Amino acid sequence: MFEDLLHAWDGEEAVIRFDADSGAWMFVCIHSTALGPGGGGTRLRVYPTAADGLADAMRLSGAMTRKFAAADIPRGGAKAVLAVPELPTGDARRRLLLRYGDLVASLGGTYRTAGDMNITPADLDVVAERCPWVYGTTGKGGNSARGTAVGTLYAIRATVEYVFGSPELAGLRVLVQGAGSVGADLVRLLQAGGAQVLVSDVDEARAATTGATVVAADAVIGAECDLYSPCAVGGTLNADTIPRLRCRAVAGCANNQLAEPEDADRLHAAGILYAPDYVVNAGGVIQLVGLEDLGWTEAELDQGLARIGETLRTLFRTASEDGITPAAAAERLAAARVTAAQGQTGK
């Protein structure tokens, strides 16, 4: 199964290691280094099969290439997955993270890691004990959720401006799906802007702590709102859900929101403006690379995050002028930047 996945993949390198002590599979997928060293978070998750973990890492690494390219950040795309039998705790978790740090260190900087699902800044502190190429520890760029949430707010403002004629949020009904670290921060930012915020999470108690109106997890699709913001799991936009959406636009920070590429066309046909997810959710990597590698000030960081909105405005105009979807416009922009870099580097 691994062999079939690897032969079908368009990336540069995949590193696979089985960790006998924990029963975990470690997958590091480096999709492209044309724009710079491969960067991307580490996902700790229980998967139905090890192959599902590898497939997830491959898919996410390609999205990271497009994310960095669209954000014009000098990094390539990569992703890591730790596919575990169960989520580890205590000493077992620490030992696994140390061994993972050894693996990342062995790649010599070709892959530079950060946090993703079930990985905290404290976890990254452990990885950094063995590896110098770690973003988002407690003592450096900080939790990337902050940048992701702020960047998503800029994206939402650009999206509602295109649909409703103004970037102002006052009176708009926004449904945020997912009240984790990013989703909860986004809810607070939207509330501060005057939006009427609905929030949903599989943990309704967690959703309720945001102070927004709670929508049951199984009632998100079909809930009436002006803008739907997926900030949890991917694949919520698909052939089954899109006809039931009751919104004018989608802009959220979840990865891989489209179950398949054709879903961008389905959203367009339904009259729903879709802000490409990897453009919207680039704030986290902009924060980490900007603060840790490029030496940005907080003011420069905010300027970098604001460019997410400007990029979307350009994509929306290009899509309208060329008769394509915003997703196609984003793919074209990212591909052009990667191709230009390949012409210079030969990668």
C-alpha atoms as a PDB file:
ATOM      1  CA  MET A   1       0.000   0.000   0.000  1.00  0.00           C
ATOM      2  CA  PHE A   2       2.827   2.431   0.831  1.00  0.00           C
ATOM      3  CA  GLU A   3       4.409   1.699  -2.547  1.00  0.00           C
ATOM      4  CA  ASP A   4       1.207   2.521  -4.444  1.00  0.00           C
ATOM      5  CA  LEU A   5       0.848   5.831  -2.606  1.00  0.00           C
ATOM      6  CA  LEU A   6       4.466   6.801  -3.191  1.00  0.00           C
ATOM      7  CA  HIS A   7       4.344   6.049  -6.916  1.00  0.00           C
ATOM      8  CA  ALA A   8       1.239   8.225  -7.311  1.00  0.00           C
ATOM      9  CA  TRP A   9       2.682  11.176  -5.379  1.00  0.00           C
ATOM     10  CA  ASP A  10       4.281  14.231  -7.013  1.00  0.00           C
ATOM     11  CA  GLY A  11       6.512  15.166  -4.066  1.00  0.00           C
ATOM     12  CA  GLU A  12      10.282  15.076  -3.688  1.00  0.00           C
ATOM     13  CA  GLU A  13      10.941  12.845  -0.689  1.00  0.00           C
ATOM     14  CA  ALA A  14       9.110  10.735   1.875  1.00  0.00           C
ATOM     15  CA  VAL A  15      10.776   9.448   5.026  1.00  0.00           C
ATOM     16  CA  ILE A  16       9.026   6.542   6.779  1.00  0.00           C
ATOM     17  CA  ARG A  17      10.027   5.159  10.150  1.00  0.00           C
ATOM     18  CA  PHE A  18       8.292   2.658  12.401  1.00  0.00           C
ATOM     19  CA  ASP A  19       8.750   3.350  16.118  1.00  0.00           C
ATOM     20  CA  ALA A  20       8.672  -0.051  17.783  1.00  0.00           C
ATOM     21  CA  ASP A  21       8.462   1.252  21.369  1.00  0.00           C
ATOM     22  CA  SER A  22       5.213   3.130  20.772  1.00  0.00           C
ATOM     23  CA  GLY A  23       3.810   1.339  17.739  1.00  0.00           C
ATOM     24  CA  ALA A  24       3.744   4.672  15.925  1.00  0.00           C
ATOM     25  CA  TRP A  25       4.532   5.300  12.271  1.00  0.00           C
ATOM     26  CA  MET A  26       6.485   8.484  11.554  1.00  0.00           C
ATOM     27  CA  PHE A  27       5.913   9.996   8.118  1.00  0.00           C
ATOM     28  CA  VAL A  28       7.812  13.064   6.894  1.00  0.00           C
ATOM     29  CA  CYS A  29       6.732  14.144   3.412  1.00  0.00           C
ATOM     30  CA  ILE A  30       8.720  16.868   1.660  1.00  0.00           C
ATOM     31  CA  HIS A  31       6.674  17.967  -1.311  1.00  0.00           C
ATOM     32  CA  SER A  32       8.862  20.758  -2.705  1.00  0.00           C
ATOM     33  CA  THR A  33      12.011  22.659  -1.800  1.00  0.00           C
ATOM     34  CA  ALA A  34      11.935  24.939  -4.857  1.00  0.00           C
ATOM     35  CA  LEU A  35      11.150  28.010  -2.757  1.00  0.00           C
ATOM     36  CA  GLY A  36      13.281  27.012   0.236  1.00  0.00           C
ATOM     37  CA  PRO A  37      13.575  24.315   2.919  1.00  0.00           C
ATOM     38  CA  GLY A  38      10.390  22.308   3.387  1.00  0.00           C
ATOM     39  CA  GLY A  39       8.281  23.641   6.225  1.00  0.00           C
ATOM     40  CA  GLY A  40       5.097  22.334   7.789  1.00  0.00           C
ATOM     41  CA  GLY A  41       3.537  21.131  11.001  1.00  0.00           C
ATOM     42  CA  THR A  42       3.507  17.766  12.714  1.00  0.00           C
ATOM     43  CA  ARG A  43       0.159  16.016  13.117  1.00  0.00           C
ATOM     44  CA  LEU A  44      -0.314  13.484  15.944  1.00  0.00           C
ATOM     45  CA  ARG A  45      -3.366  11.372  15.274  1.00  0.00           C
ATOM     46  CA  VAL A  46      -4.927   7.916  15.381  1.00  0.00           C
ATOM     47  CA  TYR A  47      -5.669   6.720  11.831  1.00  0.00           C
ATOM     48  CA  PRO A  48      -7.656   3.689  10.632  1.00  0.00           C
ATOM     49  CA  THR A  49      -4.484   2.384   8.964  1.00  0.00           C
ATOM     50  CA  ALA A  50      -0.863   3.476   8.692  1.00  0.00           C
ATOM     51  CA  ALA A  51      -1.416   4.082   4.983  1.00  0.00           C
ATOM     52  CA  ASP A  52      -4.101   6.637   5.849  1.00  0.00           C
ATOM     53  CA  GLY A  53      -1.483   8.511   7.865  1.00  0.00           C
ATOM     54  CA  LEU A  54       0.959   8.518   4.960  1.00  0.00           C
ATOM     55  CA  ALA A  55      -1.748   9.667   2.551  1.00  0.00           C
ATOM     56  CA  ASP A  56      -2.653  12.519   4.916  1.00  0.00           C
ATOM     57  CA  ALA A  57       0.975  13.649   5.156  1.00  0.00           C
ATOM     58  CA  MET A  58       1.319  13.584   1.374  1.00  0.00           C
ATOM     59  CA  ARG A  59      -1.856  15.574   0.806  1.00  0.00           C
ATOM     60  CA  LEU A  60      -1.024  18.136   3.486  1.00  0.00           C
ATOM     61  CA  SER A  61       2.549  18.584   2.228  1.00  0.00           C
ATOM     62  CA  GLY A  62       1.261  19.596  -1.200  1.00  0.00           C
ATOM     63  CA  ALA A  63      -1.076  22.094   0.444  1.00  0.00           C
ATOM     64  CA  MET A  64       1.918  23.534   2.319  1.00  0.00           C
ATOM     65  CA  THR A  65       3.743  24.096  -0.971  1.00  0.00           C
ATOM     66  CA  ARG A  66       0.756  26.036  -2.276  1.00  0.00           C
ATOM     67  CA  LYS A  67       0.338  27.876   1.037  1.00  0.00           C
ATOM     68  CA  PHE A  68       3.918  29.163   1.161  1.00  0.00           C
ATOM     69  CA  ALA A  69       3.875  30.013  -2.539  1.00  0.00           C
ATOM     70  CA  ALA A  70       0.595  31.936  -2.352  1.00  0.00           C
ATOM     71  CA  ALA A  71       1.828  33.785   0.744  1.00  0.00           C
ATOM     72  CA  ASP A  72       5.144  34.555  -1.015  1.00  0.00           C
ATOM     73  CA  ILE A  73       7.134  33.129   1.908  1.00  0.00           C
ATOM     74  CA  PRO A  74      10.565  31.619   1.047  1.00  0.00           C
ATOM     75  CA  ARG A  75       9.829  28.087   2.204  1.00  0.00           C
ATOM     76  CA  GLY A  76       8.901  24.864   0.479  1.00  0.00           C
ATOM     77  CA  GLY A  77       6.058  22.564   1.410  1.00  0.00           C
ATOM     78  CA  ALA A  78       6.302  19.612   3.788  1.00  0.00           C
ATOM     79  CA  LYS A  79       4.315  17.885   6.509  1.00  0.00           C
ATOM     80  CA  ALA A  80       4.811  15.211   9.141  1.00  0.00           C
ATOM     81  CA  VAL A  81       2.376  12.734  10.624  1.00  0.00           C
ATOM     82  CA  LEU A  82       2.838  10.618  13.724  1.00  0.00           C
ATOM     83  CA  ALA A  83       0.254   7.878  13.260  1.00  0.00           C
ATOM     84  CA  VAL A  84      -0.235   6.369  16.719  1.00  0.00           C
ATOM     85  CA  PRO A  85      -2.342   3.489  18.076  1.00  0.00           C
ATOM     86  CA  GLU A  86      -3.596   5.895  20.765  1.00  0.00           C
ATOM     87  CA  LEU A  87      -2.683   9.441  21.771  1.00  0.00           C
ATOM     88  CA  PRO A  88       0.314   9.115  24.111  1.00  0.00           C
ATOM     89  CA  THR A  89       0.648  10.929  27.440  1.00  0.00           C
ATOM     90  CA  GLY A  90       3.301  11.435  30.094  1.00  0.00           C
ATOM     91  CA  ASP A  91       6.686   9.795  29.676  1.00  0.00           C
ATOM     92  CA  ALA A  92       5.555   7.773  26.659  1.00  0.00           C
ATOM     93  CA  ARG A  93       4.658  10.980  24.823  1.00  0.00           C
ATOM     94  CA  ARG A  94       7.982  12.584  25.713  1.00  0.00           C
ATOM     95  CA  ARG A  95       9.984   9.580  24.521  1.00  0.00           C
ATOM     96  CA  LEU A  96       8.116   9.488  21.221  1.00  0.00           C
ATOM     97  CA  LEU A  97       8.685  13.207  20.636  1.00  0.00           C
ATOM     98  CA  LEU A  98      12.396  12.892  21.403  1.00  0.00           C
ATOM     99  CA  ARG A  99      12.757  10.076  18.886  1.00  0.00           C
ATOM    100  CA  TYR A 100      10.804  12.131  16.375  1.00  0.00           C
ATOM    101  CA  GLY A 101      13.196  15.032  17.022  1.00  0.00           C
ATOM    102  CA  ASP A 102      16.092  12.723  16.178  1.00  0.00           C
ATOM    103  CA  LEU A 103      14.404  11.864  12.889  1.00  0.00           C
ATOM    104  CA  VAL A 104      13.858  15.506  11.915  1.00  0.00           C
ATOM    105  CA  ALA A 105      17.430  16.371  12.932  1.00  0.00           C
ATOM    106  CA  SER A 106      18.752  13.593  10.691  1.00  0.00           C
ATOM    107  CA  LEU A 107      17.317  15.423   7.663  1.00  0.00           C
ATOM    108  CA  GLY A 108      19.749  18.301   8.166  1.00  0.00           C
ATOM    109  CA  GLY A 109      17.271  21.146   7.834  1.00  0.00           C
ATOM    110  CA  THR A 110      15.588  19.958   4.647  1.00  0.00           C
ATOM    111  CA  TYR A 111      12.426  19.697   6.753  1.00  0.00           C
ATOM    112  CA  ARG A 112      11.554  22.248   9.447  1.00  0.00           C
ATOM    113  CA  THR A 113       8.706  21.314  11.710  1.00  0.00           C
ATOM    114  CA  ALA A 114       6.020  23.106  13.720  1.00  0.00           C
ATOM    115  CA  GLY A 115       2.760  22.260  15.466  1.00  0.00           C
ATOM    116  CA  ASP A 116      -0.409  20.830  14.014  1.00  0.00           C
ATOM    117  CA  MET A 117      -3.212  18.636  15.302  1.00  0.00           C
ATOM    118  CA  ASN A 118      -2.588  17.436  18.895  1.00  0.00           C
ATOM    119  CA  ILE A 119       0.885  19.036  19.011  1.00  0.00           C
ATOM    120  CA  THR A 120       1.387  21.935  21.435  1.00  0.00           C
ATOM    121  CA  PRO A 121       4.245  24.433  21.871  1.00  0.00           C
ATOM    122  CA  ALA A 122       5.265  22.411  24.959  1.00  0.00           C
ATOM    123  CA  ASP A 123       5.507  19.308  22.742  1.00  0.00           C
ATOM    124  CA  LEU A 124       7.694  21.254  20.339  1.00  0.00           C
ATOM    125  CA  ASP A 125       9.961  22.198  23.232  1.00  0.00           C
ATOM    126  CA  VAL A 126      10.620  18.472  23.626  1.00  0.00           C
ATOM    127  CA  VAL A 127      11.316  18.003  19.906  1.00  0.00           C
ATOM    128  CA  ALA A 128      13.698  20.978  20.056  1.00  0.00           C
ATOM    129  CA  GLU A 129      15.813  19.186  22.666  1.00  0.00           C
ATOM    130  CA  ARG A 130      17.035  16.989  19.828  1.00  0.00           C
ATOM    131  CA  CYS A 131      16.532  19.171  16.753  1.00  0.00           C
ATOM    132  CA  PRO A 132      17.320  22.822  15.912  1.00  0.00           C
ATOM    133  CA  TRP A 133      14.753  23.087  13.120  1.00  0.00           C
ATOM    134  CA  VAL A 134      11.578  23.603  15.121  1.00  0.00           C
ATOM    135  CA  TYR A 135       9.117  26.504  14.843  1.00  0.00           C
ATOM    136  CA  GLY A 136       6.557  27.527  17.443  1.00  0.00           C
ATOM    137  CA  THR A 137       8.146  26.473  20.720  1.00  0.00           C
ATOM    138  CA  THR A 138       7.113  28.293  23.882  1.00  0.00           C
ATOM    139  CA  GLY A 139      10.228  30.479  23.822  1.00  0.00           C
ATOM    140  CA  LYS A 140      10.363  31.571  20.167  1.00  0.00           C
ATOM    141  CA  GLY A 141       7.601  32.508  17.738  1.00  0.00           C
ATOM    142  CA  GLY A 142       4.898  31.273  20.063  1.00  0.00           C
ATOM    143  CA  ASN A 143       1.711  29.422  19.313  1.00  0.00           C
ATOM    144  CA  SER A 144       0.879  29.872  15.630  1.00  0.00           C
ATOM    145  CA  ALA A 145      -2.845  29.849  16.449  1.00  0.00           C
ATOM    146  CA  ARG A 146      -2.592  33.601  16.997  1.00  0.00           C
ATOM    147  CA  GLY A 147      -1.357  34.325  13.491  1.00  0.00           C
ATOM    148  CA  THR A 148      -3.783  31.849  11.954  1.00  0.00           C
ATOM    149  CA  ALA A 149      -6.769  33.482  13.645  1.00  0.00           C
ATOM    150  CA  VAL A 150      -5.731  37.038  12.738  1.00  0.00           C
ATOM    151  CA  GLY A 151      -4.963  36.022   9.167  1.00  0.00           C
ATOM    152  CA  THR A 152      -8.362  34.335   8.907  1.00  0.00           C
ATOM    153  CA  LEU A 153     -10.015  37.541  10.098  1.00  0.00           C
ATOM    154  CA  TYR A 154      -8.291  39.490   7.306  1.00  0.00           C
ATOM    155  CA  ALA A 155      -9.450  36.807   4.868  1.00  0.00           C
ATOM    156  CA  ILE A 156     -13.042  37.024   6.088  1.00  0.00           C
ATOM    157  CA  ARG A 157     -13.046  40.805   5.750  1.00  0.00           C
ATOM    158  CA  ALA A 158     -11.785  40.550   2.159  1.00  0.00           C
ATOM    159  CA  THR A 159     -14.369  37.895   1.352  1.00  0.00           C
ATOM    160  CA  VAL A 160     -17.372  39.741   2.762  1.00  0.00           C
ATOM    161  CA  GLU A 161     -16.152  42.917   1.051  1.00  0.00           C
ATOM    162  CA  TYR A 162     -16.300  41.154  -2.306  1.00  0.00           C
ATOM    163  CA  VAL A 163     -19.733  39.674  -1.637  1.00  0.00           C
ATOM    164  CA  PHE A 164     -21.462  42.450   0.289  1.00  0.00           C
ATOM    165  CA  GLY A 165     -19.502  45.539  -0.769  1.00  0.00           C
ATOM    166  CA  SER A 166     -17.886  46.335   2.584  1.00  0.00           C
ATOM    167  CA  PRO A 167     -15.286  44.688   4.831  1.00  0.00           C
ATOM    168  CA  GLU A 168     -17.257  45.682   7.923  1.00  0.00           C
ATOM    169  CA  LEU A 169     -18.524  42.789  10.008  1.00  0.00           C
ATOM    170  CA  ALA A 170     -21.217  44.566  12.015  1.00  0.00           C
ATOM    171  CA  GLY A 171     -24.527  42.767  11.601  1.00  0.00           C
ATOM    172  CA  LEU A 172     -23.116  39.878   9.570  1.00  0.00           C
ATOM    173  CA  ARG A 173     -23.958  36.354  10.679  1.00  0.00           C
ATOM    174  CA  VAL A 174     -20.798  34.197  10.722  1.00  0.00           C
ATOM    175  CA  LEU A 175     -20.780  30.503  11.570  1.00  0.00           C
ATOM    176  CA  VAL A 176     -17.445  29.218  12.906  1.00  0.00           C
ATOM    177  CA  GLN A 177     -17.111  25.438  12.903  1.00  0.00           C
ATOM    178  CA  GLY A 178     -14.522  24.424  15.488  1.00  0.00           C
ATOM    179  CA  ALA A 179     -13.795  26.093  18.826  1.00  0.00           C
ATOM    180  CA  GLY A 180     -10.226  24.918  19.294  1.00  0.00           C
ATOM    181  CA  SER A 181      -7.316  27.271  19.814  1.00  0.00           C
ATOM    182  CA  VAL A 182      -7.729  28.988  16.442  1.00  0.00           C
ATOM    183  CA  GLY A 183     -11.511  28.835  16.219  1.00  0.00           C
ATOM    184  CA  ALA A 184     -12.014  30.269  19.699  1.00  0.00           C
ATOM    185  CA  ASP A 185      -9.616  33.149  18.975  1.00  0.00           C
ATOM    186  CA  LEU A 186     -11.397  33.808  15.686  1.00  0.00           C
ATOM    187  CA  VAL A 187     -14.778  33.923  17.419  1.00  0.00           C
ATOM    188  CA  ARG A 188     -13.492  36.595  19.791  1.00  0.00           C
ATOM    189  CA  LEU A 189     -12.037  38.642  16.938  1.00  0.00           C
ATOM    190  CA  LEU A 190     -15.305  38.437  14.994  1.00  0.00           C
ATOM    191  CA  GLN A 191     -17.305  39.437  18.058  1.00  0.00           C
ATOM    192  CA  ALA A 192     -15.022  42.426  18.592  1.00  0.00           C
ATOM    193  CA  GLY A 193     -15.775  43.449  15.001  1.00  0.00           C
ATOM    194  CA  GLY A 194     -19.512  43.417  15.649  1.00  0.00           C
ATOM    195  CA  ALA A 195     -20.405  40.188  13.859  1.00  0.00           C
ATOM    196  CA  GLN A 196     -23.241  37.977  15.039  1.00  0.00           C
ATOM    197  CA  VAL A 197     -21.261  34.793  15.656  1.00  0.00           C
ATOM    198  CA  LEU A 198     -22.517  31.233  15.690  1.00  0.00           C
ATOM    199  CA  VAL A 199     -20.115  28.520  16.816  1.00  0.00           C
ATOM    200  CA  SER A 200     -20.144  24.747  16.640  1.00  0.00           C
ATOM    201  CA  ASP A 201     -17.847  22.105  18.059  1.00  0.00           C
ATOM    202  CA  VAL A 202     -18.057  18.396  18.789  1.00  0.00           C
ATOM    203  CA  ASP A 203     -17.489  19.517  22.389  1.00  0.00           C
ATOM    204  CA  GLU A 204     -20.502  21.767  22.974  1.00  0.00           C
ATOM    205  CA  ALA A 205     -19.180  22.866  26.366  1.00  0.00           C
ATOM    206  CA  ARG A 206     -16.034  24.167  24.689  1.00  0.00           C
ATOM    207  CA  ALA A 207     -18.132  25.987  22.108  1.00  0.00           C
ATOM    208  CA  ALA A 208     -20.250  27.556  24.844  1.00  0.00           C
ATOM    209  CA  THR A 209     -17.196  29.083  26.547  1.00  0.00           C
ATOM    210  CA  THR A 210     -16.763  31.455  23.581  1.00  0.00           C
ATOM    211  CA  GLY A 211     -19.983  33.258  24.446  1.00  0.00           C
ATOM    212  CA  ALA A 212     -21.285  32.868  20.892  1.00  0.00           C
ATOM    213  CA  THR A 213     -24.551  31.186  19.960  1.00  0.00           C
ATOM    214  CA  VAL A 214     -23.943  27.446  19.887  1.00  0.00           C
ATOM    215  CA  VAL A 215     -25.056  25.354  16.913  1.00  0.00           C
ATOM    216  CA  ALA A 216     -25.174  21.572  17.304  1.00  0.00           C
ATOM    217  CA  ALA A 217     -22.375  19.779  15.472  1.00  0.00           C
ATOM    218  CA  ASP A 218     -24.820  17.863  13.285  1.00  0.00           C
ATOM    219  CA  ALA A 219     -26.709  21.048  12.347  1.00  0.00           C
ATOM    220  CA  VAL A 220     -23.818  23.077  10.895  1.00  0.00           C
ATOM    221  CA  ILE A 221     -24.534  22.207   7.293  1.00  0.00           C
ATOM    222  CA  GLY A 222     -27.815  23.915   6.524  1.00  0.00           C
ATOM    223  CA  ALA A 223     -27.556  26.528   9.274  1.00  0.00           C
ATOM    224  CA  GLU A 224     -28.426  29.942   7.856  1.00  0.00           C
ATOM    225  CA  CYS A 225     -25.562  32.435   7.888  1.00  0.00           C
ATOM    226  CA  ASP A 226     -23.828  34.994   5.703  1.00  0.00           C
ATOM    227  CA  LEU A 227     -20.444  33.310   5.883  1.00  0.00           C
ATOM    228  CA  TYR A 228     -19.458  29.785   6.884  1.00  0.00           C
ATOM    229  CA  SER A 229     -15.986  29.448   8.407  1.00  0.00           C
ATOM    230  CA  PRO A 230     -14.736  25.826   8.666  1.00  0.00           C
ATOM    231  CA  CYS A 231     -12.014  25.778  11.328  1.00  0.00           C
ATOM    232  CA  ALA A 232     -11.971  22.111  12.341  1.00  0.00           C
ATOM    233  CA  VAL A 233     -11.600  18.998  10.202  1.00  0.00           C
ATOM    234  CA  GLY A 234     -11.265  19.012   6.425  1.00  0.00           C
ATOM    235  CA  GLY A 235     -13.599  17.664   3.777  1.00  0.00           C
ATOM    236  CA  THR A 236     -16.717  19.486   4.987  1.00  0.00           C
ATOM    237  CA  LEU A 237     -17.307  20.870   1.482  1.00  0.00           C
ATOM    238  CA  ASN A 238     -18.379  18.028  -0.765  1.00  0.00           C
ATOM    239  CA  ALA A 239     -21.012  16.877  -3.221  1.00  0.00           C
ATOM    240  CA  ASP A 240     -23.414  16.052  -0.387  1.00  0.00           C
ATOM    241  CA  THR A 241     -23.010  19.170   1.772  1.00  0.00           C
ATOM    242  CA  ILE A 242     -22.640  21.958  -0.790  1.00  0.00           C
ATOM    243  CA  PRO A 243     -26.272  21.813  -2.031  1.00  0.00           C
ATOM    244  CA  ARG A 244     -27.409  22.161   1.606  1.00  0.00           C
ATOM    245  CA  LEU A 245     -25.287  25.178   2.506  1.00  0.00           C
ATOM    246  CA  ARG A 246     -27.240  28.338   3.328  1.00  0.00           C
ATOM    247  CA  CYS A 247     -24.533  30.971   3.078  1.00  0.00           C
ATOM    248  CA  ARG A 248     -23.093  33.401   0.554  1.00  0.00           C
ATOM    249  CA  ALA A 249     -19.433  32.728   1.197  1.00  0.00           C
ATOM    250  CA  VAL A 250     -16.944  30.298   2.772  1.00  0.00           C
ATOM    251  CA  ALA A 251     -13.700  31.414   4.413  1.00  0.00           C
ATOM    252  CA  GLY A 252     -12.141  29.301   7.144  1.00  0.00           C
ATOM    253  CA  CYS A 253      -8.807  28.018   8.391  1.00  0.00           C
ATOM    254  CA  ALA A 254      -9.353  24.239   8.255  1.00  0.00           C
ATOM    255  CA  ASN A 255      -6.989  22.352   5.949  1.00  0.00           C
ATOM    256  CA  ASN A 256      -8.297  20.497   2.894  1.00  0.00           C
ATOM    257  CA  GLN A 257     -11.846  21.847   3.102  1.00  0.00           C
ATOM    258  CA  LEU A 258     -12.710  20.556  -0.369  1.00  0.00           C
ATOM    259  CA  ALA A 259     -13.250  16.806  -0.423  1.00  0.00           C
ATOM    260  CA  GLU A 260     -12.195  16.837  -4.086  1.00  0.00           C
ATOM    261  CA  PRO A 261     -11.101  19.576  -6.520  1.00  0.00           C
ATOM    262  CA  GLU A 262     -14.470  19.534  -8.293  1.00  0.00           C
ATOM    263  CA  ASP A 263     -16.076  20.929  -5.143  1.00  0.00           C
ATOM    264  CA  ALA A 264     -14.716  24.362  -6.046  1.00  0.00           C
ATOM    265  CA  ASP A 265     -16.844  24.243  -9.196  1.00  0.00           C
ATOM    266  CA  ARG A 266     -19.857  23.063  -7.182  1.00  0.00           C
ATOM    267  CA  LEU A 267     -19.534  26.037  -4.835  1.00  0.00           C
ATOM    268  CA  HIS A 268     -19.243  28.406  -7.790  1.00  0.00           C
ATOM    269  CA  ALA A 269     -22.320  26.908  -9.434  1.00  0.00           C
ATOM    270  CA  ALA A 270     -24.220  27.338  -6.153  1.00  0.00           C
ATOM    271  CA  GLY A 271     -23.341  31.041  -6.066  1.00  0.00           C
ATOM    272  CA  ILE A 272     -21.121  30.671  -2.990  1.00  0.00           C
ATOM    273  CA  LEU A 273     -17.794  32.509  -2.970  1.00  0.00           C
ATOM    274  CA  TYR A 274     -15.006  30.221  -1.753  1.00  0.00           C
ATOM    275  CA  ALA A 275     -11.799  31.646  -0.299  1.00  0.00           C
ATOM    276  CA  PRO A 276      -9.132  28.948  -0.888  1.00  0.00           C
ATOM    277  CA  ASP A 277      -8.226  27.395   2.452  1.00  0.00           C
ATOM    278  CA  TYR A 278      -4.455  27.427   2.087  1.00  0.00           C
ATOM    279  CA  VAL A 279      -4.567  31.169   1.370  1.00  0.00           C
ATOM    280  CA  VAL A 280      -6.863  31.850   4.325  1.00  0.00           C
ATOM    281  CA  ASN A 281      -4.941  29.783   6.879  1.00  0.00           C
ATOM    282  CA  ALA A 282      -1.410  30.951   6.017  1.00  0.00           C
ATOM    283  CA  GLY A 283      -1.229  33.259   9.048  1.00  0.00           C
ATOM    284  CA  GLY A 284       0.389  30.646  11.267  1.00  0.00           C
ATOM    285  CA  VAL A 285       3.338  30.024   8.966  1.00  0.00           C
ATOM    286  CA  ILE A 286       3.647  33.734   8.217  1.00  0.00           C
ATOM    287  CA  GLN A 287       3.910  34.353  11.973  1.00  0.00           C
ATOM    288  CA  LEU A 288       6.497  31.652  12.622  1.00  0.00           C
ATOM    289  CA  VAL A 289       8.764  32.297   9.637  1.00  0.00           C
ATOM    290  CA  GLY A 290       8.397  36.058   9.954  1.00  0.00           C
ATOM    291  CA  LEU A 291       9.248  36.254  13.658  1.00  0.00           C
ATOM    292  CA  GLU A 292      11.752  33.407  13.897  1.00  0.00           C
ATOM    293  CA  ASP A 293      13.615  33.513  10.575  1.00  0.00           C
ATOM    294  CA  LEU A 294      13.032  36.939   9.036  1.00  0.00           C
ATOM    295  CA  GLY A 295      13.328  38.991  12.228  1.00  0.00           C
ATOM    296  CA  TRP A 296      10.019  40.808  11.830  1.00  0.00           C
ATOM    297  CA  THR A 297       8.621  43.197  14.404  1.00  0.00           C
ATOM    298  CA  GLU A 298       5.004  42.845  15.520  1.00  0.00           C
ATOM    299  CA  ALA A 299       4.079  45.681  13.129  1.00  0.00           C
ATOM    300  CA  GLU A 300       5.738  43.870  10.244  1.00  0.00           C
ATOM    301  CA  LEU A 301       3.932  40.684  11.242  1.00  0.00           C
ATOM    302  CA  ASP A 302       0.578  42.433  11.079  1.00  0.00           C
ATOM    303  CA  GLN A 303       1.469  43.776   7.645  1.00  0.00           C
ATOM    304  CA  GLY A 304       2.333  40.241   6.569  1.00  0.00           C
ATOM    305  CA  LEU A 305      -0.979  38.911   7.886  1.00  0.00           C
ATOM    306  CA  ALA A 306      -2.900  41.718   6.194  1.00  0.00           C
ATOM    307  CA  ARG A 307      -1.468  40.601   2.856  1.00  0.00           C
ATOM    308  CA  ILE A 308      -3.675  37.510   3.116  1.00  0.00           C
ATOM    309  CA  GLY A 309      -6.652  39.774   2.530  1.00  0.00           C
ATOM    310  CA  GLU A 310      -4.922  41.549  -0.344  1.00  0.00           C
ATOM    311  CA  THR A 311      -4.029  38.232  -1.968  1.00  0.00           C
ATOM    312  CA  LEU A 312      -7.656  37.140  -1.795  1.00  0.00           C
ATOM    313  CA  ARG A 313      -8.865  40.397  -3.311  1.00  0.00           C
ATOM    314  CA  THR A 314      -6.499  39.801  -6.227  1.00  0.00           C
ATOM    315  CA  LEU A 315      -7.638  36.194  -6.605  1.00  0.00           C
ATOM    316  CA  PHE A 316     -11.314  37.152  -6.573  1.00  0.00           C
ATOM    317  CA  ARG A 317     -10.735  39.781  -9.279  1.00  0.00           C
ATOM    318  CA  THR A 318      -8.648  37.419 -11.395  1.00  0.00           C
ATOM    319  CA  ALA A 319     -11.248  34.666 -11.111  1.00  0.00           C
ATOM    320  CA  SER A 320     -14.023  37.030 -12.189  1.00  0.00           C
ATOM    321  CA  GLU A 321     -12.058  38.482 -15.087  1.00  0.00           C
ATOM    322  CA  ASP A 322     -10.856  35.109 -16.396  1.00  0.00           C
ATOM    323  CA  GLY A 323     -14.065  33.163 -15.800  1.00  0.00           C
ATOM    324  CA  ILE A 324     -12.492  30.689 -13.377  1.00  0.00           C
ATOM    325  CA  THR A 325     -12.997  29.843  -9.718  1.00  0.00           C
ATOM    326  CA  PRO A 326     -10.935  31.471  -6.935  1.00  0.00           C
ATOM    327  CA  ALA A 327      -9.508  28.006  -6.241  1.00  0.00           C
ATOM    328  CA  ALA A 328      -8.242  27.768  -9.818  1.00  0.00           C
ATOM    329  CA  ALA A 329      -6.820  31.285  -9.594  1.00  0.00           C
ATOM    330  CA  ALA A 330      -4.983  30.368  -6.396  1.00  0.00           C
ATOM    331  CA  GLU A 331      -3.581  27.184  -7.932  1.00  0.00           C
ATOM    332  CA  ARG A 332      -2.355  29.193 -10.901  1.00  0.00           C
ATOM    333  CA  LEU A 333      -0.674  31.798  -8.684  1.00  0.00           C
ATOM    334  CA  ALA A 334       1.076  29.181  -6.542  1.00  0.00           C
ATOM    335  CA  ALA A 335       2.164  27.107  -9.542  1.00  0.00           C
ATOM    336  CA  ALA A 336       3.614  30.166 -11.278  1.00  0.00           C
ATOM    337  CA  ARG A 337       5.753  31.042  -8.252  1.00  0.00           C
ATOM    338  CA  VAL A 338       6.978  27.474  -7.807  1.00  0.00           C
ATOM    339  CA  THR A 339       7.755  27.139 -11.539  1.00  0.00           C
ATOM    340  CA  ALA A 340       9.681  30.409 -11.522  1.00  0.00           C
ATOM    341  CA  ALA A 341      11.717  29.198  -8.534  1.00  0.00           C
ATOM    342  CA  GLN A 342      12.366  25.828 -10.190  1.00  0.00           C
ATOM    343  CA  GLY A 343      13.740  27.659 -13.195  1.00  0.00           C
ATOM    344  CA  GLN A 344      16.333  29.267 -10.942  1.00  0.00           C
ATOM    345  CA  THR A 345      17.132  26.352  -8.649  1.00  0.00           C
ATOM    346  CA  GLY A 346      16.508  23.368 -10.927  1.00  0.00           C
ATOM    347  CA  LYS A 347      14.448  21.638  -8.197  1.00  0.00           C
END
